[in-house]
Amino acid sequence: MATRPVPEEPAAAIPPVTADREASEALLDQVQQRVEKLRDERFAGGDPVVSPRPVRRVAEALREGAIAALAAERLGALLQLDGALLTPAEDLARDELAAAYRALATWDLRSAAMSLARAASFARFADNQQRIALGWALYRLVEELLRLVPGQAREKALPSVRLVEELLPTLDQLPGAERAFYAREAERLGQVWKQATTDDRAWCVWALFRARVALLRNEGAETTLAWLLRLAQRAGITSGHADDGLLTLLQRAQAVFALLLGPPEEQAAELYKLAAEAWPRDLYRAIAAALTEAWGEDATAATHRFALALYVPESSPAEESPDA
């Protein structure tokens, strides 16, 4: 005998959760007042410790505790609670540190600098403060990798490598494995840059890396095209050895700079036409493909040797002591 299906009952509607705007604004106003007062104390040279003000009722105590905790977090200040000094913004410092190191690994200097500055405003623990110092030294290293042209810079080696090497022994709150890792990484990056000062292929990898960063960080079409033209000339792909498509892309890029020289009027029209179709990303892909074919190695993957590798602690039941 067939049974009639029982229709499912509709699920009960979940009421939306909405914040009380008036109460929220009142709380935030009290937090801001406390923050402004603490900032005045800091401006006068103090390092204020935030503590809940004494109140009579339990409800007021809960509210005062929330105000004190939020004010301390906003300022990266210490919070006195139940007889202990707490640092409620330390997790924010760790988050900003992680963001800064990730930005350095992808050559994003602007984001790295902002994250390191924010981390410094929150960090109270010595290990986080030391990682901020190391982060600024690594920032210098990545900045020099991008700025100093191998073989053309006055420096024969990256000055920041020595900076990192001299700083690391002083970071006594960091695990030995972490310090050793960044010592090796600074040495490695210094060596790959130094190799590019005398080796044509290594220089071409550096130039492709430099053009890649210009693309990633939106440094401007002219900047990217300039690096790619220099690379093409050094790699010897500006002549008939390159295919017609690549040669056309190179001619378009050259037209961009020819126009800056104020060419004769009879040439300007053709140059404007070529320059209007100069796309840095297309030229980058074409040159990378030509180099990949010539080298038998993925040219873009080769640029990763100029990327800062990040330390990943090994998972272990026992945490390593700083001086281990």
C-alpha atoms as a PDB file:
ATOM      1  CA  MET A   1       0.000   0.000   0.000  1.00  0.00           C
ATOM      2  CA  ALA A   2       1.402   3.329  -1.026  1.00  0.00           C
ATOM      3  CA  THR A   3       1.926   5.926   1.638  1.00  0.00           C
ATOM      4  CA  ARG A   4       1.473   9.569   1.136  1.00  0.00           C
ATOM      5  CA  PRO A   5       4.711  11.518   1.707  1.00  0.00           C
ATOM      6  CA  VAL A   6       4.586  13.794   4.672  1.00  0.00           C
ATOM      7  CA  PRO A   7       5.566  17.325   3.680  1.00  0.00           C
ATOM      8  CA  GLU A   8       8.543  18.692   5.525  1.00  0.00           C
ATOM      9  CA  GLU A   9       7.819  21.503   7.888  1.00  0.00           C
ATOM     10  CA  PRO A  10       9.535  24.723   6.873  1.00  0.00           C
ATOM     11  CA  ALA A  11      12.487  25.561   9.023  1.00  0.00           C
ATOM     12  CA  ALA A  12      11.859  28.266  11.535  1.00  0.00           C
ATOM     13  CA  ALA A  13      13.160  31.601  10.351  1.00  0.00           C
ATOM     14  CA  ILE A  14      16.253  32.706  12.252  1.00  0.00           C
ATOM     15  CA  PRO A  15      15.792  36.283  13.359  1.00  0.00           C
ATOM     16  CA  PRO A  16      18.579  38.562  12.166  1.00  0.00           C
ATOM     17  CA  VAL A  17      21.141  39.569  14.750  1.00  0.00           C
ATOM     18  CA  THR A  18      21.471  43.328  14.805  1.00  0.00           C
ATOM     19  CA  ALA A  19      23.644  45.527  16.955  1.00  0.00           C
ATOM     20  CA  ASP A  20      22.188  48.197  19.191  1.00  0.00           C
ATOM     21  CA  ARG A  21      23.465  51.312  17.466  1.00  0.00           C
ATOM     22  CA  GLU A  22      22.784  53.733  20.296  1.00  0.00           C
ATOM     23  CA  ALA A  23      24.437  51.558  22.942  1.00  0.00           C
ATOM     24  CA  SER A  24      27.391  50.804  20.645  1.00  0.00           C
ATOM     25  CA  GLU A  25      28.020  54.478  19.925  1.00  0.00           C
ATOM     26  CA  ALA A  26      27.831  55.299  23.618  1.00  0.00           C
ATOM     27  CA  LEU A  27      30.383  52.595  24.459  1.00  0.00           C
ATOM     28  CA  LEU A  28      32.740  53.616  21.651  1.00  0.00           C
ATOM     29  CA  ASP A  29      32.507  57.246  22.739  1.00  0.00           C
ATOM     30  CA  GLN A  30      33.643  56.284  26.233  1.00  0.00           C
ATOM     31  CA  VAL A  31      36.472  54.195  24.782  1.00  0.00           C
ATOM     32  CA  GLN A  32      37.603  57.125  22.625  1.00  0.00           C
ATOM     33  CA  GLN A  33      37.623  59.447  25.621  1.00  0.00           C
ATOM     34  CA  ARG A  34      39.814  57.007  27.540  1.00  0.00           C
ATOM     35  CA  VAL A  35      42.134  56.586  24.534  1.00  0.00           C
ATOM     36  CA  GLU A  36      42.558  60.346  24.123  1.00  0.00           C
ATOM     37  CA  LYS A  37      43.485  60.718  27.784  1.00  0.00           C
ATOM     38  CA  LEU A  38      46.043  57.904  27.518  1.00  0.00           C
ATOM     39  CA  ARG A  39      47.517  59.464  24.375  1.00  0.00           C
ATOM     40  CA  ASP A  40      48.028  62.713  26.270  1.00  0.00           C
ATOM     41  CA  GLU A  41      49.923  60.782  28.936  1.00  0.00           C
ATOM     42  CA  ARG A  42      52.078  59.142  26.280  1.00  0.00           C
ATOM     43  CA  PHE A  43      52.759  62.495  24.653  1.00  0.00           C
ATOM     44  CA  ALA A  44      54.023  63.709  28.023  1.00  0.00           C
ATOM     45  CA  GLY A  45      56.542  60.853  28.032  1.00  0.00           C
ATOM     46  CA  GLY A  46      54.680  58.248  30.038  1.00  0.00           C
ATOM     47  CA  ASP A  47      53.810  54.646  29.305  1.00  0.00           C
ATOM     48  CA  PRO A  48      50.370  54.455  30.878  1.00  0.00           C
ATOM     49  CA  VAL A  49      48.914  51.208  32.165  1.00  0.00           C
ATOM     50  CA  VAL A  50      45.184  50.890  31.609  1.00  0.00           C
ATOM     51  CA  SER A  51      43.068  49.583  34.449  1.00  0.00           C
ATOM     52  CA  PRO A  52      39.298  49.490  35.008  1.00  0.00           C
ATOM     53  CA  ARG A  53      38.073  52.323  37.180  1.00  0.00           C
ATOM     54  CA  PRO A  54      36.442  51.352  40.478  1.00  0.00           C
ATOM     55  CA  VAL A  55      32.639  51.196  40.257  1.00  0.00           C
ATOM     56  CA  ARG A  56      29.872  50.155  42.624  1.00  0.00           C
ATOM     57  CA  ARG A  57      27.619  47.856  40.616  1.00  0.00           C
ATOM     58  CA  VAL A  58      28.374  44.617  38.767  1.00  0.00           C
ATOM     59  CA  ALA A  59      26.838  45.894  35.528  1.00  0.00           C
ATOM     60  CA  GLU A  60      29.041  48.965  35.685  1.00  0.00           C
ATOM     61  CA  ALA A  61      32.087  46.795  36.407  1.00  0.00           C
ATOM     62  CA  LEU A  62      31.469  44.718  33.276  1.00  0.00           C
ATOM     63  CA  ARG A  63      31.120  47.851  31.178  1.00  0.00           C
ATOM     64  CA  GLU A  64      34.220  49.445  32.692  1.00  0.00           C
ATOM     65  CA  GLY A  65      36.219  46.272  32.052  1.00  0.00           C
ATOM     66  CA  ALA A  66      35.177  46.325  28.398  1.00  0.00           C
ATOM     67  CA  ILE A  67      36.127  50.007  28.070  1.00  0.00           C
ATOM     68  CA  ALA A  68      39.545  49.452  29.635  1.00  0.00           C
ATOM     69  CA  ALA A  69      40.273  46.373  27.486  1.00  0.00           C
ATOM     70  CA  LEU A  70      39.259  48.109  24.258  1.00  0.00           C
ATOM     71  CA  ALA A  71      41.274  51.230  25.107  1.00  0.00           C
ATOM     72  CA  ALA A  72      44.358  49.124  25.861  1.00  0.00           C
ATOM     73  CA  GLU A  73      43.969  47.211  22.604  1.00  0.00           C
ATOM     74  CA  ARG A  74      43.564  50.401  20.579  1.00  0.00           C
ATOM     75  CA  LEU A  75      46.818  51.811  21.967  1.00  0.00           C
ATOM     76  CA  GLY A  76      48.826  48.624  22.341  1.00  0.00           C
ATOM     77  CA  ALA A  77      49.038  49.468  26.042  1.00  0.00           C
ATOM     78  CA  LEU A  78      49.307  47.198  29.055  1.00  0.00           C
ATOM     79  CA  LEU A  79      46.091  46.285  30.863  1.00  0.00           C
ATOM     80  CA  GLN A  80      46.041  45.705  34.610  1.00  0.00           C
ATOM     81  CA  LEU A  81      43.429  43.108  35.441  1.00  0.00           C
ATOM     82  CA  ASP A  82      43.062  40.883  38.518  1.00  0.00           C
ATOM     83  CA  GLY A  83      46.545  41.778  39.696  1.00  0.00           C
ATOM     84  CA  ALA A  84      48.231  40.859  36.397  1.00  0.00           C
ATOM     85  CA  LEU A  85      49.602  42.997  33.562  1.00  0.00           C
ATOM     86  CA  LEU A  86      48.169  41.849  30.244  1.00  0.00           C
ATOM     87  CA  THR A  87      48.956  42.846  26.656  1.00  0.00           C
ATOM     88  CA  PRO A  88      45.598  42.524  24.869  1.00  0.00           C
ATOM     89  CA  ALA A  89      46.903  43.648  21.468  1.00  0.00           C
ATOM     90  CA  GLU A  90      49.689  41.057  21.212  1.00  0.00           C
ATOM     91  CA  ASP A  91      47.675  38.871  18.846  1.00  0.00           C
ATOM     92  CA  LEU A  92      47.271  41.903  16.570  1.00  0.00           C
ATOM     93  CA  ALA A  93      51.047  42.357  16.641  1.00  0.00           C
ATOM     94  CA  ARG A  94      51.528  38.727  15.569  1.00  0.00           C
ATOM     95  CA  ASP A  95      48.970  39.114  12.771  1.00  0.00           C
ATOM     96  CA  GLU A  96      50.697  42.241  11.475  1.00  0.00           C
ATOM     97  CA  LEU A  97      54.093  40.546  11.700  1.00  0.00           C
ATOM     98  CA  ALA A  98      52.848  37.586   9.666  1.00  0.00           C
ATOM     99  CA  ALA A  99      51.397  39.984   7.080  1.00  0.00           C
ATOM    100  CA  ALA A 100      54.670  41.930   6.913  1.00  0.00           C
ATOM    101  CA  TYR A 101      56.791  38.834   6.319  1.00  0.00           C
ATOM    102  CA  ARG A 102      54.360  37.555   3.656  1.00  0.00           C
ATOM    103  CA  ALA A 103      54.573  40.927   1.925  1.00  0.00           C
ATOM    104  CA  LEU A 104      58.384  40.777   1.946  1.00  0.00           C
ATOM    105  CA  ALA A 105      58.245  37.303   0.393  1.00  0.00           C
ATOM    106  CA  THR A 106      56.205  38.756  -2.495  1.00  0.00           C
ATOM    107  CA  TRP A 107      58.303  41.961  -2.835  1.00  0.00           C
ATOM    108  CA  ASP A 108      55.470  44.198  -1.577  1.00  0.00           C
ATOM    109  CA  LEU A 109      57.580  46.754   0.263  1.00  0.00           C
ATOM    110  CA  ARG A 110      54.795  49.237   0.900  1.00  0.00           C
ATOM    111  CA  SER A 111      52.536  46.708   2.591  1.00  0.00           C
ATOM    112  CA  ALA A 112      55.471  45.289   4.553  1.00  0.00           C
ATOM    113  CA  ALA A 113      56.417  48.716   5.911  1.00  0.00           C
ATOM    114  CA  MET A 114      52.848  49.486   6.988  1.00  0.00           C
ATOM    115  CA  SER A 115      52.432  46.116   8.696  1.00  0.00           C
ATOM    116  CA  LEU A 116      55.770  46.412  10.513  1.00  0.00           C
ATOM    117  CA  ALA A 117      54.820  49.882  11.754  1.00  0.00           C
ATOM    118  CA  ARG A 118      51.451  48.627  13.011  1.00  0.00           C
ATOM    119  CA  ALA A 119      53.102  45.617  14.661  1.00  0.00           C
ATOM    120  CA  ALA A 120      55.497  47.951  16.472  1.00  0.00           C
ATOM    121  CA  SER A 121      52.565  49.900  17.887  1.00  0.00           C
ATOM    122  CA  PHE A 122      51.068  46.725  19.417  1.00  0.00           C
ATOM    123  CA  ALA A 123      53.985  44.473  20.371  1.00  0.00           C
ATOM    124  CA  ARG A 124      55.010  44.142  24.015  1.00  0.00           C
ATOM    125  CA  PHE A 125      56.557  40.684  24.117  1.00  0.00           C
ATOM    126  CA  ALA A 126      60.299  40.638  23.487  1.00  0.00           C
ATOM    127  CA  ASP A 127      60.152  37.957  20.787  1.00  0.00           C
ATOM    128  CA  ASN A 128      57.649  39.937  18.744  1.00  0.00           C
ATOM    129  CA  GLN A 129      59.686  43.122  19.160  1.00  0.00           C
ATOM    130  CA  GLN A 130      62.782  41.288  17.960  1.00  0.00           C
ATOM    131  CA  ARG A 131      60.927  39.899  14.946  1.00  0.00           C
ATOM    132  CA  ILE A 132      59.965  43.466  14.079  1.00  0.00           C
ATOM    133  CA  ALA A 133      63.647  44.460  14.161  1.00  0.00           C
ATOM    134  CA  LEU A 134      64.494  41.482  11.966  1.00  0.00           C
ATOM    135  CA  GLY A 135      61.613  42.390   9.660  1.00  0.00           C
ATOM    136  CA  TRP A 136      63.086  45.857   9.062  1.00  0.00           C
ATOM    137  CA  ALA A 137      66.493  44.341   8.299  1.00  0.00           C
ATOM    138  CA  LEU A 138      64.887  41.923   5.825  1.00  0.00           C
ATOM    139  CA  TYR A 139      62.973  44.879   4.378  1.00  0.00           C
ATOM    140  CA  ARG A 140      66.333  46.519   3.611  1.00  0.00           C
ATOM    141  CA  LEU A 141      67.513  43.309   1.989  1.00  0.00           C
ATOM    142  CA  VAL A 142      64.488  43.008  -0.304  1.00  0.00           C
ATOM    143  CA  GLU A 143      64.630  46.722  -1.113  1.00  0.00           C
ATOM    144  CA  GLU A 144      68.269  46.441  -2.188  1.00  0.00           C
ATOM    145  CA  LEU A 145      67.506  43.358  -4.292  1.00  0.00           C
ATOM    146  CA  LEU A 146      65.042  45.493  -6.227  1.00  0.00           C
ATOM    147  CA  ARG A 147      66.971  48.781  -6.335  1.00  0.00           C
ATOM    148  CA  LEU A 148      70.598  47.845  -6.923  1.00  0.00           C
ATOM    149  CA  VAL A 149      71.335  46.748 -10.492  1.00  0.00           C
ATOM    150  CA  PRO A 150      73.883  43.902 -10.501  1.00  0.00           C
ATOM    151  CA  GLY A 151      77.124  44.930 -12.167  1.00  0.00           C
ATOM    152  CA  GLN A 152      76.118  48.595 -12.355  1.00  0.00           C
ATOM    153  CA  ALA A 153      75.709  49.477  -8.698  1.00  0.00           C
ATOM    154  CA  ARG A 154      78.654  50.916  -6.807  1.00  0.00           C
ATOM    155  CA  GLU A 155      78.275  48.097  -4.303  1.00  0.00           C
ATOM    156  CA  LYS A 156      79.810  44.744  -5.204  1.00  0.00           C
ATOM    157  CA  ALA A 157      77.671  42.979  -2.594  1.00  0.00           C
ATOM    158  CA  LEU A 158      74.362  43.760  -0.896  1.00  0.00           C
ATOM    159  CA  PRO A 159      75.144  45.844   2.239  1.00  0.00           C
ATOM    160  CA  SER A 160      72.019  44.583   3.990  1.00  0.00           C
ATOM    161  CA  VAL A 161      73.349  41.004   4.086  1.00  0.00           C
ATOM    162  CA  ARG A 162      75.907  42.108   6.640  1.00  0.00           C
ATOM    163  CA  LEU A 163      73.206  44.065   8.491  1.00  0.00           C
ATOM    164  CA  VAL A 164      71.098  40.921   8.888  1.00  0.00           C
ATOM    165  CA  GLU A 165      74.097  38.809   9.866  1.00  0.00           C
ATOM    166  CA  GLU A 166      75.162  41.281  12.559  1.00  0.00           C
ATOM    167  CA  LEU A 167      71.638  41.688  13.911  1.00  0.00           C
ATOM    168  CA  LEU A 168      70.716  38.013  14.258  1.00  0.00           C
ATOM    169  CA  PRO A 169      73.064  37.140  17.180  1.00  0.00           C
ATOM    170  CA  THR A 170      71.446  39.909  19.251  1.00  0.00           C
ATOM    171  CA  LEU A 171      67.938  38.465  18.866  1.00  0.00           C
ATOM    172  CA  ASP A 172      68.195  36.246  21.929  1.00  0.00           C
ATOM    173  CA  GLN A 173      64.439  35.733  22.283  1.00  0.00           C
ATOM    174  CA  LEU A 174      64.106  33.983  18.928  1.00  0.00           C
ATOM    175  CA  PRO A 175      64.703  30.254  18.477  1.00  0.00           C
ATOM    176  CA  GLY A 176      68.150  29.348  17.235  1.00  0.00           C
ATOM    177  CA  ALA A 177      66.655  27.528  14.254  1.00  0.00           C
ATOM    178  CA  GLU A 178      64.826  30.684  13.165  1.00  0.00           C
ATOM    179  CA  ARG A 179      67.963  32.821  13.438  1.00  0.00           C
ATOM    180  CA  ALA A 180      70.024  30.262  11.540  1.00  0.00           C
ATOM    181  CA  PHE A 181      67.364  30.054   8.811  1.00  0.00           C
ATOM    182  CA  TYR A 182      67.392  33.805   8.127  1.00  0.00           C
ATOM    183  CA  ALA A 183      71.193  33.916   8.268  1.00  0.00           C
ATOM    184  CA  ARG A 184      71.285  31.314   5.492  1.00  0.00           C
ATOM    185  CA  GLU A 185      68.546  33.089   3.561  1.00  0.00           C
ATOM    186  CA  ALA A 186      70.326  36.446   3.675  1.00  0.00           C
ATOM    187  CA  GLU A 187      73.534  34.769   2.509  1.00  0.00           C
ATOM    188  CA  ARG A 188      71.691  32.969  -0.305  1.00  0.00           C
ATOM    189  CA  LEU A 189      70.026  36.134  -1.614  1.00  0.00           C
ATOM    190  CA  GLY A 190      73.314  37.990  -1.432  1.00  0.00           C
ATOM    191  CA  GLN A 191      74.993  35.265  -3.460  1.00  0.00           C
ATOM    192  CA  VAL A 192      72.355  35.104  -6.219  1.00  0.00           C
ATOM    193  CA  TRP A 193      72.536  38.896  -6.587  1.00  0.00           C
ATOM    194  CA  LYS A 194      76.342  38.808  -6.647  1.00  0.00           C
ATOM    195  CA  GLN A 195      76.309  36.062  -9.286  1.00  0.00           C
ATOM    196  CA  ALA A 196      74.225  38.331 -11.503  1.00  0.00           C
ATOM    197  CA  THR A 197      77.000  40.945 -11.474  1.00  0.00           C
ATOM    198  CA  THR A 198      79.232  38.753 -13.668  1.00  0.00           C
ATOM    199  CA  ASP A 199      76.999  36.109 -15.281  1.00  0.00           C
ATOM    200  CA  ASP A 200      74.818  37.143 -18.247  1.00  0.00           C
ATOM    201  CA  ARG A 201      72.143  34.526 -17.699  1.00  0.00           C
ATOM    202  CA  ALA A 202      71.920  35.282 -13.972  1.00  0.00           C
ATOM    203  CA  TRP A 203      71.615  38.996 -14.819  1.00  0.00           C
ATOM    204  CA  CYS A 204      68.783  38.221 -17.251  1.00  0.00           C
ATOM    205  CA  VAL A 205      66.973  36.275 -14.518  1.00  0.00           C
ATOM    206  CA  TRP A 206      67.386  39.279 -12.208  1.00  0.00           C
ATOM    207  CA  ALA A 207      66.078  41.667 -14.883  1.00  0.00           C
ATOM    208  CA  LEU A 208      63.069  39.425 -15.535  1.00  0.00           C
ATOM    209  CA  PHE A 209      62.468  39.343 -11.776  1.00  0.00           C
ATOM    210  CA  ARG A 210      62.681  43.145 -11.679  1.00  0.00           C
ATOM    211  CA  ALA A 211      60.202  43.507 -14.549  1.00  0.00           C
ATOM    212  CA  ARG A 212      57.914  40.961 -12.890  1.00  0.00           C
ATOM    213  CA  VAL A 213      57.833  42.990  -9.671  1.00  0.00           C
ATOM    214  CA  ALA A 214      57.161  46.177 -11.662  1.00  0.00           C
ATOM    215  CA  LEU A 215      54.140  44.415 -13.154  1.00  0.00           C
ATOM    216  CA  LEU A 216      52.920  42.991  -9.856  1.00  0.00           C
ATOM    217  CA  ARG A 217      53.288  46.252  -7.942  1.00  0.00           C
ATOM    218  CA  ASN A 218      51.922  48.540 -10.671  1.00  0.00           C
ATOM    219  CA  GLU A 219      55.100  50.602 -10.931  1.00  0.00           C
ATOM    220  CA  GLY A 220      53.932  51.981 -14.268  1.00  0.00           C
ATOM    221  CA  ALA A 221      53.989  50.847 -17.887  1.00  0.00           C
ATOM    222  CA  GLU A 222      57.151  52.793 -18.726  1.00  0.00           C
ATOM    223  CA  THR A 223      59.078  51.273 -15.808  1.00  0.00           C
ATOM    224  CA  THR A 224      58.120  47.732 -16.784  1.00  0.00           C
ATOM    225  CA  LEU A 225      58.826  48.296 -20.462  1.00  0.00           C
ATOM    226  CA  ALA A 226      62.208  49.828 -19.688  1.00  0.00           C
ATOM    227  CA  TRP A 227      63.308  46.760 -17.706  1.00  0.00           C
ATOM    228  CA  LEU A 228      62.035  44.436 -20.436  1.00  0.00           C
ATOM    229  CA  LEU A 229      63.873  46.336 -23.172  1.00  0.00           C
ATOM    230  CA  ARG A 230      67.101  46.200 -21.185  1.00  0.00           C
ATOM    231  CA  LEU A 231      66.583  42.484 -20.655  1.00  0.00           C
ATOM    232  CA  ALA A 232      65.891  41.853 -24.334  1.00  0.00           C
ATOM    233  CA  GLN A 233      69.059  43.682 -25.338  1.00  0.00           C
ATOM    234  CA  ARG A 234      71.208  41.808 -22.800  1.00  0.00           C
ATOM    235  CA  ALA A 235      69.665  38.464 -23.800  1.00  0.00           C
ATOM    236  CA  GLY A 236      70.228  39.173 -27.504  1.00  0.00           C
ATOM    237  CA  ILE A 237      66.587  38.855 -28.565  1.00  0.00           C
ATOM    238  CA  THR A 238      66.243  42.275 -30.187  1.00  0.00           C
ATOM    239  CA  SER A 239      67.366  41.093 -33.605  1.00  0.00           C
ATOM    240  CA  GLY A 240      66.120  38.708 -36.251  1.00  0.00           C
ATOM    241  CA  HIS A 241      66.761  35.745 -33.961  1.00  0.00           C
ATOM    242  CA  ALA A 242      63.416  36.468 -32.283  1.00  0.00           C
ATOM    243  CA  ASP A 243      60.089  35.591 -33.885  1.00  0.00           C
ATOM    244  CA  ASP A 244      58.072  38.275 -35.659  1.00  0.00           C
ATOM    245  CA  GLY A 245      55.514  38.558 -32.867  1.00  0.00           C
ATOM    246  CA  LEU A 246      58.152  39.294 -30.249  1.00  0.00           C
ATOM    247  CA  LEU A 247      59.920  41.762 -32.534  1.00  0.00           C
ATOM    248  CA  THR A 248      56.639  43.624 -33.041  1.00  0.00           C
ATOM    249  CA  LEU A 249      56.094  43.831 -29.288  1.00  0.00           C
ATOM    250  CA  LEU A 250      59.631  45.157 -28.849  1.00  0.00           C
ATOM    251  CA  GLN A 251      59.081  47.800 -31.542  1.00  0.00           C
ATOM    252  CA  ARG A 252      55.943  48.974 -29.748  1.00  0.00           C
ATOM    253  CA  ALA A 253      57.837  49.272 -26.467  1.00  0.00           C
ATOM    254  CA  GLN A 254      60.680  51.172 -28.151  1.00  0.00           C
ATOM    255  CA  ALA A 255      58.153  53.581 -29.641  1.00  0.00           C
ATOM    256  CA  VAL A 256      57.033  54.602 -26.130  1.00  0.00           C
ATOM    257  CA  PHE A 257      60.509  55.936 -25.356  1.00  0.00           C
ATOM    258  CA  ALA A 258      61.169  57.278 -28.851  1.00  0.00           C
ATOM    259  CA  LEU A 259      58.229  59.640 -28.360  1.00  0.00           C
ATOM    260  CA  LEU A 260      59.836  61.053 -25.225  1.00  0.00           C
ATOM    261  CA  LEU A 261      62.737  62.319 -27.366  1.00  0.00           C
ATOM    262  CA  GLY A 262      60.474  64.538 -29.469  1.00  0.00           C
ATOM    263  CA  PRO A 263      60.772  62.841 -32.886  1.00  0.00           C
ATOM    264  CA  PRO A 264      60.222  64.661 -36.185  1.00  0.00           C
ATOM    265  CA  GLU A 265      56.585  65.211 -37.050  1.00  0.00           C
ATOM    266  CA  GLU A 266      56.647  62.776 -39.961  1.00  0.00           C
ATOM    267  CA  GLN A 267      57.704  59.957 -37.608  1.00  0.00           C
ATOM    268  CA  ALA A 268      55.507  60.845 -34.666  1.00  0.00           C
ATOM    269  CA  ALA A 269      52.247  59.528 -36.135  1.00  0.00           C
ATOM    270  CA  GLU A 270      53.641  56.036 -36.686  1.00  0.00           C
ATOM    271  CA  LEU A 271      55.288  56.044 -33.265  1.00  0.00           C
ATOM    272  CA  TYR A 272      52.040  57.038 -31.565  1.00  0.00           C
ATOM    273  CA  LYS A 273      50.291  54.172 -33.320  1.00  0.00           C
ATOM    274  CA  LEU A 274      52.901  51.674 -32.157  1.00  0.00           C
ATOM    275  CA  ALA A 275      53.090  53.057 -28.609  1.00  0.00           C
ATOM    276  CA  ALA A 276      49.311  52.867 -28.198  1.00  0.00           C
ATOM    277  CA  GLU A 277      49.554  49.068 -28.524  1.00  0.00           C
ATOM    278  CA  ALA A 278      52.516  48.615 -26.153  1.00  0.00           C
ATOM    279  CA  TRP A 279      51.269  46.338 -23.369  1.00  0.00           C
ATOM    280  CA  PRO A 280      53.879  45.451 -20.711  1.00  0.00           C
ATOM    281  CA  ARG A 281      52.205  42.178 -19.750  1.00  0.00           C
ATOM    282  CA  ASP A 282      52.222  40.925 -23.354  1.00  0.00           C
ATOM    283  CA  LEU A 283      55.895  41.775 -23.777  1.00  0.00           C
ATOM    284  CA  TYR A 284      56.752  40.144 -20.442  1.00  0.00           C
ATOM    285  CA  ARG A 285      55.048  36.895 -21.435  1.00  0.00           C
ATOM    286  CA  ALA A 286      56.710  36.864 -24.855  1.00  0.00           C
ATOM    287  CA  ILE A 287      60.195  37.465 -23.463  1.00  0.00           C
ATOM    288  CA  ALA A 288      59.675  34.905 -20.683  1.00  0.00           C
ATOM    289  CA  ALA A 289      58.570  32.352 -23.284  1.00  0.00           C
ATOM    290  CA  ALA A 290      61.603  33.095 -25.495  1.00  0.00           C
ATOM    291  CA  LEU A 291      63.975  32.741 -22.544  1.00  0.00           C
ATOM    292  CA  THR A 292      62.280  29.533 -21.411  1.00  0.00           C
ATOM    293  CA  GLU A 293      62.820  28.043 -24.852  1.00  0.00           C
ATOM    294  CA  ALA A 294      66.423  29.213 -25.020  1.00  0.00           C
ATOM    295  CA  TRP A 295      67.366  28.057 -21.515  1.00  0.00           C
ATOM    296  CA  GLY A 296      65.348  24.859 -21.281  1.00  0.00           C
ATOM    297  CA  GLU A 297      64.117  26.150 -17.929  1.00  0.00           C
ATOM    298  CA  ASP A 298      60.965  28.013 -16.904  1.00  0.00           C
ATOM    299  CA  ALA A 299      62.224  31.597 -16.889  1.00  0.00           C
ATOM    300  CA  THR A 300      59.511  32.949 -14.595  1.00  0.00           C
ATOM    301  CA  ALA A 301      60.086  30.118 -12.124  1.00  0.00           C
ATOM    302  CA  ALA A 302      63.791  31.023 -12.169  1.00  0.00           C
ATOM    303  CA  THR A 303      62.946  34.474 -10.757  1.00  0.00           C
ATOM    304  CA  HIS A 304      61.812  32.793  -7.524  1.00  0.00           C
ATOM    305  CA  ARG A 305      65.459  32.519  -6.505  1.00  0.00           C
ATOM    306  CA  PHE A 306      65.242  36.250  -5.728  1.00  0.00           C
ATOM    307  CA  ALA A 307      62.289  35.717  -3.378  1.00  0.00           C
ATOM    308  CA  LEU A 308      62.741  35.686   0.392  1.00  0.00           C
ATOM    309  CA  ALA A 309      61.801  32.303   1.848  1.00  0.00           C
ATOM    310  CA  LEU A 310      59.992  32.381   5.188  1.00  0.00           C
ATOM    311  CA  TYR A 311      60.824  30.367   8.282  1.00  0.00           C
ATOM    312  CA  VAL A 312      58.264  27.705   9.201  1.00  0.00           C
ATOM    313  CA  PRO A 313      58.862  26.178  12.637  1.00  0.00           C
ATOM    314  CA  GLU A 314      58.855  22.404  12.804  1.00  0.00           C
ATOM    315  CA  SER A 315      55.925  20.993  14.753  1.00  0.00           C
ATOM    316  CA  SER A 316      57.254  19.503  17.941  1.00  0.00           C
ATOM    317  CA  PRO A 317      55.665  18.436  21.247  1.00  0.00           C
ATOM    318  CA  ALA A 318      58.264  20.440  23.105  1.00  0.00           C
ATOM    319  CA  GLU A 319      58.671  24.087  22.158  1.00  0.00           C
ATOM    320  CA  GLU A 320      62.241  25.078  21.458  1.00  0.00           C
ATOM    321  CA  SER A 321      63.729  27.530  23.924  1.00  0.00           C
ATOM    322  CA  PRO A 322      65.152  30.775  22.501  1.00  0.00           C
ATOM    323  CA  ASP A 323      68.732  29.793  23.312  1.00  0.00           C
ATOM    324  CA  ALA A 324      68.450  26.180  22.169  1.00  0.00           C
END
